[in-house]
Amino acid sequence: MTQMPPQCNNLQEQVDTLLQLLRQEPSLRQQDIMAVQASLKKAISPEFEIVFAGAFSAGKSMLINALLERELLYSAEGHATGTECYIAYAESAQKERVVLTFLSEVEIRTQVYALCEQLNLTTEININHIDVVKILSQGCLIIIEKEGGENKSELAKQAKALILLLEGFEANRERIQTVDNATYSMEQFNFSNLKEAASYARRGSNSAVLKRVEYYCYHPLLKDGNIIIDTPGIDAPVKQDAELTYDKIESPDTSAVVCVLKAASSGEMTTEETELMEKTRSNPGIRDRLFYIFNRIDETWYNTQLRQRLENLINSDFRDTTRVYKTSGLLGFYGSLIRGTTGRDRFGLDTIFAESRDRLDADTNSGNNSENSQDTPQFVNEFNRYCANSGKLSASQFRISVNSYETPNQNYVRILA
């Protein structure tokens, strides 16, 4: 960050003096000074708000996790949360903290009612009545089953969102106020560090009833006043959540908007993404601060037709901008973490991937050894795929083989060793 010139070192005192003089003049006392104070704050302590926007499952949260090289935000496929997440700078690792703000009961009831209308469930709702909650949850499970799974359709996603909302209200009932938004520090939850607090906030039922989460992290990317903001999906099951995202995109406090798009994995834009493009590009106050990220670019490495469709899309719909980037949040995030691992923990299998590694798959009773019966983390499969099929590694420089007689985990450890 550039230093202010010497004549601005006492800017706060100089402006305060002028405002005091203004108040002494009877004809000027009614003037609104809030705009002056807001501008002064920006000049003295500038902040650069970077808003991440996109549809659910586009990978916004995973990209932010990759940038910060730690798992802060929920990044599961199909997870639908309307929580706004602000990530700002902490002066040291010891000063890292989380502030949690909950939806009010009134706001939760409004969301439950809206989802019930969309799902054609009863709208005679009292979320404080256990029998009503059970009936709604059962209705949602029936819808999900009929749709073939919780991520198979918009209706199924809405049903899952309602289940999480009801579970979150039940689990956090004593923390949720009727009308006001209750705010808690992580100490009030008895969390000893940011990791514990982030783990709580990432849990689906908890995030469903959180209005806002503020993370204060010790990371050089945030040091110069950068604030990263993760917004609800533009295709949020609750329409009000999507509107919050557009409000934040259009806010004068927003310095840059990072649009995370799904097209690298599908070859085309969704309806909501097309609408986002149209709205932002038609707004002269926004269009010059837009950046476009095509996440999951690794999908195109193995599919020539998909790669060509993506290139055609970029050449036709994004030809008027150079602010187009391609990346893989999954590979970037775990790749950054694995740099700090060794063969002793099998390059993260015993630490980073411990939870998924310890879950046994359907082969548990097949007579295989424990290594064969372990679930394979998604990153391990993608890493092996990259080594074997991406064409990114020169055969003359990297003599890597992925062997069919080894488990994915064994291939992974052997290659990294």
Protein backbone atom coordinates (compact mmCIF):
# COMPACT_ATOMS: atom_id res chain seq x y z
CA MET A 1 0.00 0.00 0.00
CA THR A 2 1.39 3.43 -0.87
CA GLN A 3 2.06 5.84 1.99
CA MET A 4 0.04 9.03 2.32
CA PRO A 5 1.95 12.26 1.60
CA PRO A 6 3.31 14.13 4.66
CA GLN A 7 0.61 16.83 4.47
CA CYS A 8 -2.00 14.11 5.09
CA ASN A 9 -0.42 12.70 8.25
CA ASN A 10 -2.80 14.69 10.45
CA LEU A 11 -5.79 14.34 8.16
CA GLN A 12 -8.11 13.12 10.94
CA GLU A 13 -7.37 16.14 13.15
CA GLN A 14 -7.62 18.58 10.22
CA VAL A 15 -11.02 17.30 9.12
CA ASP A 16 -12.30 17.20 12.72
CA THR A 17 -11.31 20.85 13.11
CA LEU A 18 -13.22 21.82 9.97
CA LEU A 19 -16.30 19.89 11.12
CA GLN A 20 -16.19 21.65 14.50
CA LEU A 21 -16.12 25.02 12.71
CA LEU A 22 -19.08 23.89 10.61
CA ARG A 23 -21.10 23.08 13.74
CA GLN A 24 -20.42 26.55 15.14
CA GLU A 25 -22.13 28.17 12.17
CA PRO A 26 -25.94 28.09 12.79
CA SER A 27 -26.80 27.99 9.08
CA LEU A 28 -24.61 24.92 8.52
CA ARG A 29 -25.45 22.81 11.58
CA GLN A 30 -28.06 20.79 9.72
CA GLN A 31 -25.63 19.66 7.03
CA ASP A 32 -25.19 15.88 6.83
CA ILE A 33 -21.54 15.09 7.55
CA MET A 34 -21.80 11.30 7.27
CA ALA A 35 -20.46 11.29 3.70
CA VAL A 36 -17.42 13.32 4.80
CA GLN A 37 -16.77 10.94 7.69
CA ALA A 38 -17.11 7.90 5.43
CA SER A 39 -14.67 9.38 2.90
CA LEU A 40 -12.24 10.23 5.70
CA LYS A 41 -12.32 6.66 6.96
CA LYS A 42 -11.51 5.36 3.46
CA ALA A 43 -8.63 7.82 3.10
CA ILE A 44 -7.09 7.03 6.50
CA SER A 45 -7.71 3.30 6.54
CA PRO A 46 -8.46 2.22 2.97
CA GLU A 47 -10.16 -1.11 2.42
CA PHE A 48 -10.37 -3.01 -0.85
CA GLU A 49 -13.49 -5.18 -0.81
CA ILE A 50 -13.27 -8.10 -3.25
CA VAL A 51 -16.64 -9.78 -3.76
CA PHE A 52 -16.84 -13.36 -5.03
CA ALA A 53 -20.10 -14.04 -6.86
CA GLY A 54 -21.50 -17.00 -8.74
CA ALA A 55 -23.92 -19.90 -8.68
CA PHE A 56 -23.93 -22.62 -6.04
CA SER A 57 -21.26 -25.27 -6.63
CA ALA A 58 -19.27 -22.98 -8.94
CA GLY A 59 -16.37 -23.19 -6.50
CA LYS A 60 -16.30 -19.72 -4.90
CA SER A 61 -15.54 -21.05 -1.44
CA MET A 62 -12.88 -23.50 -2.64
CA LEU A 63 -11.12 -20.72 -4.57
CA ILE A 64 -11.06 -18.52 -1.47
CA ASN A 65 -9.76 -21.44 0.58
CA ALA A 66 -7.04 -21.91 -2.05
CA LEU A 67 -6.05 -18.23 -1.95
CA LEU A 68 -5.73 -18.31 1.84
CA GLU A 69 -4.20 -21.82 1.88
CA ARG A 70 -6.55 -23.03 4.61
CA GLU A 71 -10.04 -24.48 4.87
CA LEU A 72 -12.25 -21.67 6.12
CA LEU A 73 -15.37 -21.76 3.99
CA TYR A 74 -17.78 -24.58 3.24
CA SER A 75 -17.08 -25.95 -0.22
CA ALA A 76 -19.16 -29.13 -0.56
CA GLU A 77 -20.93 -29.85 -3.83
CA GLY A 78 -24.50 -28.62 -3.80
CA HIS A 79 -24.30 -27.02 -0.36
CA ALA A 80 -26.77 -24.15 -0.22
CA THR A 81 -26.09 -21.44 2.33
CA GLY A 82 -27.21 -17.84 2.34
CA THR A 83 -24.45 -16.74 4.71
CA GLU A 84 -22.27 -13.75 3.86
CA CYS A 85 -18.63 -14.37 4.81
CA TYR A 86 -16.17 -11.50 5.36
CA ILE A 87 -12.47 -12.30 5.64
CA ALA A 88 -10.21 -9.52 6.90
CA TYR A 89 -6.69 -9.21 8.29
CA ALA A 90 -5.52 -10.20 11.78
CA GLU A 91 -2.26 -8.70 13.04
CA SER A 92 -0.87 -12.08 14.11
CA ALA A 93 -1.81 -15.75 14.31
CA GLN A 94 -2.59 -15.24 18.00
CA LYS A 95 -5.13 -12.53 17.16
CA GLU A 96 -7.11 -14.59 14.66
CA ARG A 97 -10.80 -14.71 15.51
CA VAL A 98 -14.31 -15.30 14.20
CA VAL A 99 -17.50 -13.30 14.80
CA LEU A 100 -20.80 -15.10 14.19
CA THR A 101 -24.09 -13.30 13.55
CA PHE A 102 -27.28 -15.36 13.49
CA LEU A 103 -30.50 -14.83 11.59
CA SER A 104 -33.41 -13.81 13.80
CA GLU A 105 -36.30 -16.19 14.36
CA VAL A 106 -38.46 -13.85 12.26
CA GLU A 107 -36.00 -14.13 9.34
CA ILE A 108 -35.84 -17.91 9.69
CA ARG A 109 -39.64 -18.18 9.70
CA THR A 110 -39.75 -16.05 6.55
CA GLN A 111 -37.26 -18.33 4.80
CA VAL A 112 -39.09 -21.47 5.94
CA TYR A 113 -42.38 -20.08 4.65
CA ALA A 114 -40.83 -19.15 1.28
CA LEU A 115 -39.30 -22.60 0.83
CA CYS A 116 -42.53 -24.34 1.84
CA GLU A 117 -44.39 -22.37 -0.80
CA GLN A 118 -41.87 -23.38 -3.47
CA LEU A 119 -42.08 -27.02 -2.37
CA ASN A 120 -45.90 -27.04 -2.11
CA LEU A 121 -45.69 -28.04 1.56
CA THR A 122 -48.03 -26.78 4.24
CA THR A 123 -47.55 -23.12 5.08
CA GLU A 124 -49.32 -23.46 8.44
CA ILE A 125 -45.95 -23.35 10.14
CA ASN A 126 -44.79 -23.08 13.73
CA ILE A 127 -41.09 -23.92 13.77
CA ASN A 128 -41.17 -24.05 17.57
CA HIS A 129 -43.55 -27.03 17.39
CA ILE A 130 -41.59 -30.30 17.16
CA ASP A 131 -44.36 -32.20 15.33
CA VAL A 132 -44.59 -29.53 12.62
CA VAL A 133 -40.83 -29.66 12.10
CA LYS A 134 -40.94 -33.45 11.78
CA ILE A 135 -43.72 -33.29 9.18
CA LEU A 136 -41.83 -30.70 7.11
CA SER A 137 -38.59 -32.68 7.28
CA GLN A 138 -40.34 -35.87 6.21
CA GLY A 139 -41.97 -34.03 3.31
CA CYS A 140 -38.54 -32.76 2.20
CA LEU A 141 -37.03 -36.26 2.34
CA ILE A 142 -39.85 -37.58 0.15
CA ILE A 143 -39.20 -34.82 -2.40
CA ILE A 144 -35.45 -35.53 -2.44
CA GLU A 145 -36.09 -39.25 -2.95
CA LYS A 146 -38.54 -38.59 -5.80
CA GLU A 147 -36.05 -36.24 -7.48
CA GLY A 148 -33.31 -38.88 -7.31
CA GLY A 149 -31.02 -37.12 -4.84
CA GLU A 150 -30.48 -33.80 -3.07
CA ASN A 151 -28.45 -32.27 -5.94
CA LYS A 152 -30.46 -33.65 -8.86
CA SER A 153 -32.89 -30.74 -9.30
CA GLU A 154 -33.72 -27.26 -8.02
CA LEU A 155 -36.65 -28.75 -6.11
CA ALA A 156 -34.37 -31.22 -4.36
CA LYS A 157 -31.89 -28.47 -3.47
CA GLN A 158 -34.70 -26.38 -2.00
CA ALA A 159 -35.85 -29.38 0.04
CA LYS A 160 -32.32 -29.90 1.36
CA ALA A 161 -32.04 -26.20 2.18
CA LEU A 162 -35.25 -26.42 4.23
CA ILE A 163 -33.99 -29.47 6.13
CA LEU A 164 -30.75 -27.66 6.99
CA LEU A 165 -32.66 -24.55 8.05
CA LEU A 166 -34.92 -26.53 10.41
CA GLU A 167 -31.98 -28.50 11.82
CA GLY A 168 -29.97 -25.34 12.31
CA PHE A 169 -32.80 -23.61 14.15
CA GLU A 170 -33.25 -26.60 16.46
CA ALA A 171 -29.51 -26.94 17.15
CA ASN A 172 -28.97 -23.21 17.82
CA ARG A 173 -32.32 -22.29 19.34
CA GLU A 174 -30.83 -20.79 22.52
CA ARG A 175 -28.55 -18.50 20.47
CA ILE A 176 -31.25 -17.14 18.14
CA GLN A 177 -33.24 -14.08 19.16
CA THR A 178 -36.82 -13.43 18.09
CA VAL A 179 -36.36 -10.14 16.22
CA ASP A 180 -32.72 -9.08 16.53
CA ASN A 181 -29.62 -10.61 14.96
CA ALA A 182 -27.55 -12.04 17.81
CA THR A 183 -23.76 -11.70 17.47
CA TYR A 184 -21.21 -13.86 19.28
CA SER A 185 -17.44 -13.99 19.55
CA MET A 186 -15.75 -17.37 19.18
CA GLU A 187 -14.81 -17.19 22.88
CA GLN A 188 -18.52 -17.25 23.77
CA PHE A 189 -18.68 -20.61 22.00
CA ASN A 190 -15.56 -21.78 23.89
CA PHE A 191 -13.64 -22.13 20.63
CA SER A 192 -9.90 -21.93 21.29
CA ASN A 193 -8.87 -21.01 17.76
CA LEU A 194 -10.08 -19.99 14.32
CA LYS A 195 -9.99 -23.57 13.02
CA GLU A 196 -12.56 -24.76 15.58
CA ALA A 197 -14.84 -21.78 14.91
CA ALA A 198 -14.56 -22.21 11.13
CA SER A 199 -15.42 -25.91 11.47
CA TYR A 200 -18.59 -25.01 13.36
CA ALA A 201 -19.58 -22.35 10.81
CA ARG A 202 -18.99 -24.73 7.87
CA ARG A 203 -21.44 -27.31 9.22
CA GLY A 204 -24.48 -27.20 6.94
CA SER A 205 -27.17 -26.85 9.59
CA ASN A 206 -25.22 -24.10 11.38
CA SER A 207 -24.43 -22.11 8.24
CA ALA A 208 -28.12 -22.25 7.29
CA VAL A 209 -29.03 -20.03 10.28
CA LEU A 210 -25.97 -17.78 10.19
CA LYS A 211 -26.55 -14.39 8.61
CA ARG A 212 -22.93 -13.31 8.56
CA VAL A 213 -19.54 -14.75 9.50
CA GLU A 214 -16.50 -12.51 9.94
CA TYR A 215 -13.09 -14.16 9.82
CA TYR A 216 -9.96 -12.29 10.87
CA CYS A 217 -6.95 -14.18 9.46
CA TYR A 218 -3.23 -13.69 9.56
CA HIS A 219 -2.35 -13.86 5.87
CA PRO A 220 -0.23 -11.52 3.68
CA LEU A 221 -2.97 -11.36 1.02
CA LEU A 222 -5.17 -9.46 3.48
CA LYS A 223 -2.51 -7.24 5.03
CA ASP A 224 -2.95 -4.12 2.88
CA GLY A 225 -6.65 -3.71 3.57
CA ASN A 226 -7.96 -6.40 1.23
CA ILE A 227 -11.24 -7.89 2.42
CA ILE A 228 -12.55 -11.03 0.71
CA ILE A 229 -16.32 -11.45 0.69
CA ASP A 230 -18.05 -14.73 -0.17
CA THR A 231 -21.69 -14.15 -1.09
CA PRO A 232 -24.74 -16.45 -1.35
CA GLY A 233 -25.28 -18.13 -4.70
CA ILE A 234 -27.06 -16.14 -7.41
CA ASP A 235 -29.32 -19.20 -7.75
CA ALA A 236 -30.00 -19.42 -4.00
CA PRO A 237 -33.06 -21.49 -3.00
CA VAL A 238 -34.27 -18.44 -1.05
CA LYS A 239 -34.68 -15.53 -3.48
CA GLN A 240 -33.79 -12.99 -0.80
CA ASP A 241 -30.31 -14.52 -0.49
CA ALA A 242 -29.65 -14.04 -4.21
CA GLU A 243 -30.79 -10.42 -3.92
CA LEU A 244 -28.23 -9.89 -1.14
CA THR A 245 -25.50 -10.91 -3.57
CA TYR A 246 -26.62 -8.41 -6.20
CA ASP A 247 -26.85 -5.68 -3.54
CA LYS A 248 -23.25 -6.37 -2.55
CA ILE A 249 -22.07 -6.41 -6.18
CA GLU A 250 -23.65 -3.00 -6.76
CA SER A 251 -22.49 -1.50 -3.45
CA PRO A 252 -20.20 1.55 -3.76
CA ASP A 253 -17.96 -0.07 -1.11
CA THR A 254 -17.17 -2.95 -3.47
CA SER A 255 -13.83 -2.50 -5.21
CA ALA A 256 -13.76 -5.61 -7.41
CA VAL A 257 -16.14 -8.42 -8.33
CA VAL A 258 -14.81 -11.91 -9.07
CA CYS A 259 -17.41 -13.87 -11.06
CA VAL A 260 -16.79 -17.59 -10.61
CA LEU A 261 -18.36 -19.51 -13.50
CA LYS A 262 -19.22 -23.18 -14.06
CA ALA A 263 -18.68 -23.32 -17.82
CA ALA A 264 -15.35 -25.17 -17.65
CA SER A 265 -17.16 -28.26 -16.37
CA SER A 266 -20.29 -27.93 -18.54
CA GLY A 267 -19.26 -25.97 -21.63
CA GLU A 268 -22.05 -23.44 -21.24
CA MET A 269 -23.35 -20.74 -18.93
CA THR A 270 -26.32 -21.35 -16.64
CA THR A 271 -29.39 -19.11 -16.87
CA GLU A 272 -28.42 -17.37 -13.63
CA GLU A 273 -24.84 -16.81 -14.81
CA THR A 274 -26.08 -15.27 -18.07
CA GLU A 275 -28.35 -12.98 -16.05
CA LEU A 276 -25.41 -12.00 -13.83
CA MET A 277 -23.38 -11.11 -16.92
CA GLU A 278 -26.15 -9.00 -18.41
CA LYS A 279 -26.85 -7.09 -15.19
CA THR A 280 -23.23 -6.33 -14.38
CA ARG A 281 -22.14 -5.40 -17.90
CA SER A 282 -25.04 -2.98 -18.34
CA ASN A 283 -24.02 -1.15 -15.16
CA PRO A 284 -21.15 1.28 -15.94
CA GLY A 285 -20.29 1.46 -12.24
CA ILE A 286 -19.58 -2.26 -12.12
CA ARG A 287 -18.36 -3.47 -15.48
CA ASP A 288 -14.85 -2.03 -15.16
CA ARG A 289 -14.16 -3.92 -11.94
CA LEU A 290 -15.28 -7.37 -13.09
CA PHE A 291 -12.98 -10.40 -13.23
CA TYR A 292 -14.12 -13.73 -14.66
CA ILE A 293 -12.84 -17.03 -13.26
CA PHE A 294 -13.52 -20.32 -15.03
CA ASN A 295 -13.06 -22.83 -12.24
CA ARG A 296 -12.55 -26.59 -12.68
CA ILE A 297 -10.45 -26.05 -15.78
CA ASP A 298 -9.00 -29.53 -15.16
CA GLU A 299 -12.22 -30.97 -16.59
CA THR A 300 -11.21 -29.67 -20.04
CA TRP A 301 -7.84 -31.45 -19.92
CA TYR A 302 -9.51 -34.79 -20.50
CA ASN A 303 -12.31 -33.75 -22.84
CA THR A 304 -11.42 -32.19 -26.20
CA GLN A 305 -15.04 -31.37 -27.03
CA LEU A 306 -15.58 -29.64 -23.69
CA ARG A 307 -12.35 -27.67 -24.11
CA GLN A 308 -13.46 -26.46 -27.54
CA ARG A 309 -16.91 -25.44 -26.26
CA LEU A 310 -15.29 -23.41 -23.49
CA GLU A 311 -12.91 -21.68 -25.91
CA ASN A 312 -15.80 -20.86 -28.24
CA LEU A 313 -17.75 -19.40 -25.31
CA ILE A 314 -14.83 -17.23 -24.19
CA ASN A 315 -14.12 -16.02 -27.74
CA SER A 316 -17.76 -15.08 -28.34
CA ASP A 317 -19.06 -13.83 -24.98
CA PHE A 318 -15.86 -12.51 -23.38
CA ARG A 319 -14.05 -11.03 -26.36
CA ASP A 320 -14.42 -7.48 -24.98
CA THR A 321 -12.36 -8.14 -21.83
CA THR A 322 -8.91 -9.44 -20.96
CA ARG A 323 -9.88 -10.15 -17.35
CA VAL A 324 -10.58 -13.84 -17.94
CA TYR A 325 -8.76 -16.52 -15.93
CA LYS A 326 -8.83 -20.32 -15.80
CA THR A 327 -8.03 -22.32 -12.70
CA SER A 328 -8.81 -25.32 -10.52
CA GLY A 329 -9.70 -24.45 -6.95
CA LEU A 330 -9.52 -28.10 -5.88
CA LEU A 331 -5.98 -28.68 -7.18
CA GLY A 332 -4.80 -25.27 -6.03
CA PHE A 333 -6.16 -25.63 -2.49
CA TYR A 334 -4.86 -29.10 -1.71
CA GLY A 335 -1.69 -28.52 -3.69
CA SER A 336 -0.82 -25.60 -1.40
CA LEU A 337 -1.43 -27.71 1.70
CA ILE A 338 0.56 -30.71 0.49
CA ARG A 339 3.70 -28.59 0.18
CA GLY A 340 3.93 -28.75 3.96
CA THR A 341 3.59 -32.54 4.21
CA THR A 342 6.10 -35.41 4.08
CA GLY A 343 6.25 -39.16 3.61
CA ARG A 344 5.76 -39.54 7.34
CA ASP A 345 2.09 -38.64 7.07
CA ARG A 346 1.88 -40.15 3.59
CA PHE A 347 1.80 -36.68 2.04
CA GLY A 348 -1.37 -35.62 3.79
CA LEU A 349 -3.32 -38.88 3.80
CA ASP A 350 -2.85 -39.13 7.57
CA THR A 351 -3.46 -35.43 8.26
CA ILE A 352 -5.12 -33.33 5.58
CA PHE A 353 -7.32 -36.15 4.30
CA ALA A 354 -7.67 -37.98 7.62
CA GLU A 355 -11.45 -37.71 7.84
CA SER A 356 -12.17 -38.97 4.33
CA ARG A 357 -9.34 -41.53 4.47
CA ASP A 358 -10.70 -43.16 7.60
CA ARG A 359 -14.19 -43.70 6.19
CA LEU A 360 -14.45 -47.22 4.79
CA ASP A 361 -16.04 -47.82 1.43
CA ALA A 362 -18.06 -50.77 0.20
CA ASP A 363 -14.93 -52.93 -0.07
CA THR A 364 -14.49 -53.11 3.69
CA ASN A 365 -15.69 -56.69 3.84
CA SER A 366 -14.18 -57.80 0.54
CA GLY A 367 -11.02 -59.19 2.09
CA ASN A 368 -8.77 -56.34 0.92
CA ASN A 369 -6.23 -54.84 3.29
CA SER A 370 -7.09 -51.63 5.14
CA GLU A 371 -5.37 -49.51 2.50
CA ASN A 372 -7.55 -50.99 -0.23
CA SER A 373 -10.69 -50.45 1.82
CA GLN A 374 -10.10 -46.78 2.51
CA ASP A 375 -12.08 -44.16 0.68
CA THR A 376 -9.93 -42.26 -1.77
CA PRO A 377 -10.00 -38.47 -1.29
CA GLN A 378 -11.19 -36.60 -4.38
CA PHE A 379 -7.89 -34.77 -4.68
CA VAL A 380 -5.94 -38.05 -4.74
CA ASN A 381 -8.03 -39.32 -7.65
CA GLU A 382 -7.57 -36.02 -9.50
CA PHE A 383 -3.83 -35.98 -8.77
CA ASN A 384 -3.42 -39.48 -10.21
CA ARG A 385 -5.55 -38.53 -13.18
CA TYR A 386 -3.41 -35.45 -13.75
CA CYS A 387 -0.22 -37.50 -13.70
CA ALA A 388 -1.56 -40.18 -16.03
CA ASN A 389 -3.79 -38.40 -18.51
CA SER A 390 -3.49 -34.61 -18.47
CA GLY A 391 -0.53 -34.39 -20.85
CA LYS A 392 0.84 -31.59 -18.65
CA LEU A 393 3.92 -33.55 -17.58
CA SER A 394 6.75 -34.08 -20.06
CA ALA A 395 7.47 -37.80 -20.41
CA SER A 396 11.19 -37.06 -20.74
CA GLN A 397 11.27 -35.06 -17.49
CA PHE A 398 8.71 -36.96 -15.42
CA ARG A 399 8.72 -40.74 -15.62
CA ILE A 400 5.50 -41.26 -13.71
CA SER A 401 3.28 -44.30 -13.89
CA VAL A 402 -0.12 -44.92 -12.32
CA ASN A 403 -0.31 -48.66 -11.77
CA SER A 404 -3.58 -50.60 -11.93
CA TYR A 405 -2.33 -53.17 -9.39
CA GLU A 406 -1.97 -50.44 -6.74
CA THR A 407 -4.74 -48.61 -4.93
CA PRO A 408 -5.18 -44.89 -5.73
CA ASN A 409 -3.75 -44.03 -2.30
CA GLN A 410 -0.69 -46.22 -2.92
CA ASN A 411 -0.11 -44.66 -6.35
CA TYR A 412 -0.38 -41.19 -4.81
CA VAL A 413 2.16 -41.85 -2.05
CA ARG A 414 4.61 -43.60 -4.40
CA ILE A 415 4.50 -40.79 -6.99
CA LEU A 416 5.04 -38.02 -4.46
CA ALA A 417 7.83 -39.99 -2.77
